[in-house]
Amino acid sequence: MRMIERTTVFKRDFRHEMKGRHRHLLESDLRKIIEALANDKPLEPRHRDHALTGN
C-alpha cells in the first residue's frame, strides 16, 4: 500500500473545487480513485489516462 500525502497545494485546490458545480460528486469520486491508486489497483476505464485533444 502506498502512502498518500496531501500537499498544501492539493488542499487549496480541493477547497476551491468544493465550491464548484461538481462538489456533490467530487469527494466520493476522488476518494475511490485515491484508494485504488494507493492499493495499486487498476482504475475504472473512465478514469484511465487518455490523449489530450485541442490545439
PDB file of N, CA and C in Angstrom:
ATOM      1  N   MET A   1       0.849  -1.182   0.000  1.00  0.00           N
ATOM      2  CA  MET A   1       0.000   0.000   0.000  1.00  0.00           C
ATOM      3  C   MET A   1       0.888   1.236   0.000  1.00  0.00           C
ATOM      4  N   ARG A   2       0.523   2.179  -0.807  1.00  0.00           N
ATOM      5  CA  ARG A   2       1.283   3.425  -0.912  1.00  0.00           C
ATOM      6  C   ARG A   2       0.769   4.432   0.117  1.00  0.00           C
ATOM      7  N   MET A   3       1.639   5.331   0.512  1.00  0.00           N
ATOM      8  CA  MET A   3       1.258   6.396   1.438  1.00  0.00           C
ATOM      9  C   MET A   3       0.785   7.610   0.632  1.00  0.00           C
ATOM     10  N   ILE A   4      -0.311   8.188   1.037  1.00  0.00           N
ATOM     11  CA  ILE A   4      -0.864   9.361   0.369  1.00  0.00           C
ATOM     12  C   ILE A   4      -0.541  10.589   1.210  1.00  0.00           C
ATOM     13  N   GLU A   5       0.108  11.557   0.577  1.00  0.00           N
ATOM     14  CA  GLU A   5       0.413  12.822   1.252  1.00  0.00           C
ATOM     15  C   GLU A   5      -0.404  13.926   0.602  1.00  0.00           C
ATOM     16  N   ARG A   6      -1.176  14.613   1.391  1.00  0.00           N
ATOM     17  CA  ARG A   6      -1.959  15.737   0.887  1.00  0.00           C
ATOM     18  C   ARG A   6      -1.139  17.004   1.046  1.00  0.00           C
ATOM     19  N   THR A   7      -0.652  17.534  -0.059  1.00  0.00           N
ATOM     20  CA  THR A   7       0.167  18.735  -0.022  1.00  0.00           C
ATOM     21  C   THR A   7      -0.710  19.967   0.194  1.00  0.00           C
ATOM     22  N   THR A   8      -0.067  21.056   0.513  1.00  0.00           N
ATOM     23  CA  THR A   8      -0.778  22.317   0.708  1.00  0.00           C
ATOM     24  C   THR A   8      -1.468  22.740  -0.582  1.00  0.00           C
ATOM     25  N   VAL A   9      -0.797  22.542  -1.702  1.00  0.00           N
ATOM     26  CA  VAL A   9      -1.383  22.906  -2.994  1.00  0.00           C
ATOM     27  C   VAL A   9      -2.628  22.065  -3.268  1.00  0.00           C
ATOM     28  N   PHE A  10      -2.566  20.765  -2.983  1.00  0.00           N
ATOM     29  CA  PHE A  10      -3.732  19.902  -3.180  1.00  0.00           C
ATOM     30  C   PHE A  10      -4.882  20.354  -2.288  1.00  0.00           C
ATOM     31  N   LYS A  11      -4.592  20.630  -1.023  1.00  0.00           N
ATOM     32  CA  LYS A  11      -5.645  21.054  -0.095  1.00  0.00           C
ATOM     33  C   LYS A  11      -6.320  22.334  -0.575  1.00  0.00           C
ATOM     34  N   ARG A  12      -5.523  23.279  -1.061  1.00  0.00           N
ATOM     35  CA  ARG A  12      -6.064  24.542  -1.544  1.00  0.00           C
ATOM     36  C   ARG A  12      -6.917  24.313  -2.799  1.00  0.00           C
ATOM     37  N   ASP A  13      -6.413  23.508  -3.728  1.00  0.00           N
ATOM     38  CA  ASP A  13      -7.167  23.215  -4.946  1.00  0.00           C
ATOM     39  C   ASP A  13      -8.458  22.465  -4.631  1.00  0.00           C
ATOM     40  N   PHE A  14      -8.396  21.532  -3.691  1.00  0.00           N
ATOM     41  CA  PHE A  14      -9.580  20.758  -3.314  1.00  0.00           C
ATOM     42  C   PHE A  14     -10.645  21.668  -2.707  1.00  0.00           C
ATOM     43  N   ARG A  15     -10.233  22.560  -1.817  1.00  0.00           N
ATOM     44  CA  ARG A  15     -11.193  23.504  -1.224  1.00  0.00           C
ATOM     45  C   ARG A  15     -11.837  24.365  -2.309  1.00  0.00           C
ATOM     46  N   HIS A  16     -11.027  24.801  -3.263  1.00  0.00           N
ATOM     47  CA  HIS A  16     -11.537  25.623  -4.357  1.00  0.00           C
ATOM     48  C   HIS A  16     -12.553  24.839  -5.192  1.00  0.00           C
ATOM     49  N   GLU A  17     -12.242  23.592  -5.522  1.00  0.00           N
ATOM     50  CA  GLU A  17     -13.144  22.770  -6.329  1.00  0.00           C
ATOM     51  C   GLU A  17     -14.415  22.403  -5.573  1.00  0.00           C
ATOM     52  N   MET A  18     -14.348  22.322  -4.253  1.00  0.00           N
ATOM     53  CA  MET A  18     -15.539  22.008  -3.459  1.00  0.00           C
ATOM     54  C   MET A  18     -16.567  23.138  -3.513  1.00  0.00           C
ATOM     55  N   LYS A  19     -16.174  24.298  -4.002  1.00  0.00           N
ATOM     56  CA  LYS A  19     -17.103  25.410  -4.164  1.00  0.00           C
ATOM     57  C   LYS A  19     -17.730  25.413  -5.554  1.00  0.00           C
ATOM     58  N   GLY A  20     -17.269  24.526  -6.431  1.00  0.00           N
ATOM     59  CA  GLY A  20     -17.727  24.486  -7.815  1.00  0.00           C
ATOM     60  C   GLY A  20     -18.993  23.677  -8.009  1.00  0.00           C
ATOM     61  N   ARG A  21     -19.326  23.478  -9.265  1.00  0.00           N
ATOM     62  CA  ARG A  21     -20.595  22.825  -9.581  1.00  0.00           C
ATOM     63  C   ARG A  21     -20.577  21.317  -9.414  1.00  0.00           C
ATOM     64  N   HIS A  22     -19.406  20.701  -9.295  1.00  0.00           N
ATOM     65  CA  HIS A  22     -19.316  19.248  -9.133  1.00  0.00           C
ATOM     66  C   HIS A  22     -19.056  18.847  -7.686  1.00  0.00           C
ATOM     67  N   ARG A  23     -19.290  19.729  -6.756  1.00  0.00           N
ATOM     68  CA  ARG A  23     -18.949  19.488  -5.353  1.00  0.00           C
ATOM     69  C   ARG A  23     -19.664  18.288  -4.751  1.00  0.00           C
ATOM     70  N   HIS A  24     -20.878  17.989  -5.216  1.00  0.00           N
ATOM     71  CA  HIS A  24     -21.643  16.879  -4.634  1.00  0.00           C
ATOM     72  C   HIS A  24     -21.073  15.516  -5.019  1.00  0.00           C
ATOM     73  N   LEU A  25     -20.300  15.425  -6.090  1.00  0.00           N
ATOM     74  CA  LEU A  25     -19.701  14.159  -6.515  1.00  0.00           C
ATOM     75  C   LEU A  25     -18.199  14.091  -6.264  1.00  0.00           C
ATOM     76  N   LEU A  26     -17.586  15.228  -6.102  1.00  0.00           N
ATOM     77  CA  LEU A  26     -16.127  15.299  -6.067  1.00  0.00           C
ATOM     78  C   LEU A  26     -15.505  14.452  -4.969  1.00  0.00           C
ATOM     79  N   GLU A  27     -15.938  14.605  -3.754  1.00  0.00           N
ATOM     80  CA  GLU A  27     -15.290  13.924  -2.636  1.00  0.00           C
ATOM     81  C   GLU A  27     -15.431  12.403  -2.729  1.00  0.00           C
ATOM     82  N   SER A  28     -16.605  11.914  -3.055  1.00  0.00           N
ATOM     83  CA  SER A  28     -16.793  10.457  -3.130  1.00  0.00           C
ATOM     84  C   SER A  28     -16.021   9.855  -4.301  1.00  0.00           C
ATOM     85  N   ASP A  29     -16.046  10.515  -5.462  1.00  0.00           N
ATOM     86  CA  ASP A  29     -15.302  10.006  -6.619  1.00  0.00           C
ATOM     87  C   ASP A  29     -13.803  10.050  -6.376  1.00  0.00           C
ATOM     88  N   LEU A  30     -13.330  11.140  -5.808  1.00  0.00           N
ATOM     89  CA  LEU A  30     -11.896  11.275  -5.559  1.00  0.00           C
ATOM     90  C   LEU A  30     -11.416  10.258  -4.532  1.00  0.00           C
ATOM     91  N   ARG A  31     -12.215  10.000  -3.524  1.00  0.00           N
ATOM     92  CA  ARG A  31     -11.848   9.008  -2.503  1.00  0.00           C
ATOM     93  C   ARG A  31     -11.666   7.625  -3.133  1.00  0.00           C
ATOM     94  N   LYS A  32     -12.585   7.231  -4.027  1.00  0.00           N
ATOM     95  CA  LYS A  32     -12.486   5.933  -4.701  1.00  0.00           C
ATOM     96  C   LYS A  32     -11.212   5.839  -5.543  1.00  0.00           C
ATOM     97  N   ILE A  33     -10.900   6.906  -6.259  1.00  0.00           N
ATOM     98  CA  ILE A  33      -9.723   6.908  -7.130  1.00  0.00           C
ATOM     99  C   ILE A  33      -8.445   6.850  -6.310  1.00  0.00           C
ATOM    100  N   ILE A  34      -8.361   7.642  -5.256  1.00  0.00           N
ATOM    101  CA  ILE A  34      -7.157   7.659  -4.425  1.00  0.00           C
ATOM    102  C   ILE A  34      -6.956   6.320  -3.734  1.00  0.00           C
ATOM    103  N   GLU A  35      -8.025   5.703  -3.254  1.00  0.00           N
ATOM    104  CA  GLU A  35      -7.904   4.383  -2.618  1.00  0.00           C
ATOM    105  C   GLU A  35      -7.412   3.337  -3.614  1.00  0.00           C
ATOM    106  N   ALA A  36      -7.911   3.385  -4.844  1.00  0.00           N
ATOM    107  CA  ALA A  36      -7.467   2.434  -5.868  1.00  0.00           C
ATOM    108  C   ALA A  36      -5.987   2.637  -6.178  1.00  0.00           C
ATOM    109  N   LEU A  37      -5.558   3.884  -6.314  1.00  0.00           N
ATOM    110  CA  LEU A  37      -4.150   4.164  -6.601  1.00  0.00           C
ATOM    111  C   LEU A  37      -3.256   3.763  -5.433  1.00  0.00           C
ATOM    112  N   ALA A  38      -3.699   4.018  -4.220  1.00  0.00           N
ATOM    113  CA  ALA A  38      -2.902   3.680  -3.039  1.00  0.00           C
ATOM    114  C   ALA A  38      -2.738   2.176  -2.888  1.00  0.00           C
ATOM    115  N   ASN A  39      -3.736   1.412  -3.310  1.00  0.00           N
ATOM    116  CA  ASN A  39      -3.691  -0.048  -3.195  1.00  0.00           C
ATOM    117  C   ASN A  39      -3.197  -0.723  -4.471  1.00  0.00           C
ATOM    118  N   ASP A  40      -2.664   0.061  -5.421  1.00  0.00           N
ATOM    119  CA  ASP A  40      -2.149  -0.451  -6.700  1.00  0.00           C
ATOM    120  C   ASP A  40      -3.187  -1.257  -7.472  1.00  0.00           C
ATOM    121  N   LYS A  41      -4.428  -0.833  -7.404  1.00  0.00           N
ATOM    122  CA  LYS A  41      -5.499  -1.480  -8.160  1.00  0.00           C
ATOM    123  C   LYS A  41      -5.706  -0.710  -9.464  1.00  0.00           C
ATOM    124  N   PRO A  42      -6.179  -1.377 -10.509  1.00  0.00           N
ATOM    125  CA  PRO A  42      -6.429  -0.668 -11.772  1.00  0.00           C
ATOM    126  C   PRO A  42      -7.615   0.290 -11.629  1.00  0.00           C
ATOM    127  N   LEU A  43      -7.553   1.385 -12.355  1.00  0.00           N
ATOM    128  CA  LEU A  43      -8.637   2.359 -12.335  1.00  0.00           C
ATOM    129  C   LEU A  43      -9.752   1.923 -13.267  1.00  0.00           C
ATOM    130  N   GLU A  44     -10.925   2.453 -13.033  1.00  0.00           N
ATOM    131  CA  GLU A  44     -12.055   2.199 -13.924  1.00  0.00           C
ATOM    132  C   GLU A  44     -11.716   2.768 -15.305  1.00  0.00           C
ATOM    133  N   PRO A  45     -12.280   2.201 -16.366  1.00  0.00           N
ATOM    134  CA  PRO A  45     -11.963   2.684 -17.722  1.00  0.00           C
ATOM    135  C   PRO A  45     -12.205   4.180 -17.915  1.00  0.00           C
ATOM    136  N   ARG A  46     -13.209   4.742 -17.257  1.00  0.00           N
ATOM    137  CA  ARG A  46     -13.481   6.176 -17.450  1.00  0.00           C
ATOM    138  C   ARG A  46     -12.440   7.071 -16.777  1.00  0.00           C
ATOM    139  N   HIS A  47     -11.597   6.506 -15.911  1.00  0.00           N
ATOM    140  CA  HIS A  47     -10.561   7.281 -15.235  1.00  0.00           C
ATOM    141  C   HIS A  47      -9.166   7.005 -15.792  1.00  0.00           C
ATOM    142  N   ARG A  48      -9.068   6.224 -16.848  1.00  0.00           N
ATOM    143  CA  ARG A  48      -7.771   5.881 -17.421  1.00  0.00           C
ATOM    144  C   ARG A  48      -7.152   7.088 -18.115  1.00  0.00           C
ATOM    145  N   ASP A  49      -5.838   7.037 -18.258  1.00  0.00           N
ATOM    146  CA  ASP A  49      -5.100   8.073 -18.966  1.00  0.00           C
ATOM    147  C   ASP A  49      -5.546   8.083 -20.427  1.00  0.00           C
ATOM    148  N   HIS A  50      -5.660   9.256 -21.008  1.00  0.00           N
ATOM    149  CA  HIS A  50      -6.101   9.369 -22.393  1.00  0.00           C
ATOM    150  C   HIS A  50      -5.359  10.506 -23.077  1.00  0.00           C
ATOM    151  N   ALA A  51      -5.339  10.454 -24.384  1.00  0.00           N
ATOM    152  CA  ALA A  51      -4.681  11.501 -25.162  1.00  0.00           C
ATOM    153  C   ALA A  51      -5.493  12.791 -25.059  1.00  0.00           C
ATOM    154  N   LEU A  52      -4.788  13.894 -24.943  1.00  0.00           N
ATOM    155  CA  LEU A  52      -5.456  15.190 -24.890  1.00  0.00           C
ATOM    156  C   LEU A  52      -5.750  15.669 -26.301  1.00  0.00           C
ATOM    157  N   THR A  53      -6.815  16.421 -26.464  1.00  0.00           N
ATOM    158  CA  THR A  53      -7.170  16.950 -27.777  1.00  0.00           C
ATOM    159  C   THR A  53      -7.156  18.464 -27.721  1.00  0.00           C
ATOM    160  N   GLY A  54      -7.083  19.064 -28.875  1.00  0.00           N
ATOM    161  CA  GLY A  54      -7.096  20.518 -28.940  1.00  0.00           C
ATOM    162  C   GLY A  54      -5.842  21.052 -29.603  1.00  0.00           C
ATOM    163  N   ASN A  55      -5.652  22.347 -29.523  1.00  0.00           N
ATOM    164  CA  ASN A  55      -4.502  22.992 -30.171  1.00  0.00           C
ATOM    165  C   ASN A  55      -3.254  22.812 -29.382  1.00  0.00           C
TER     166      ASN A  55
END
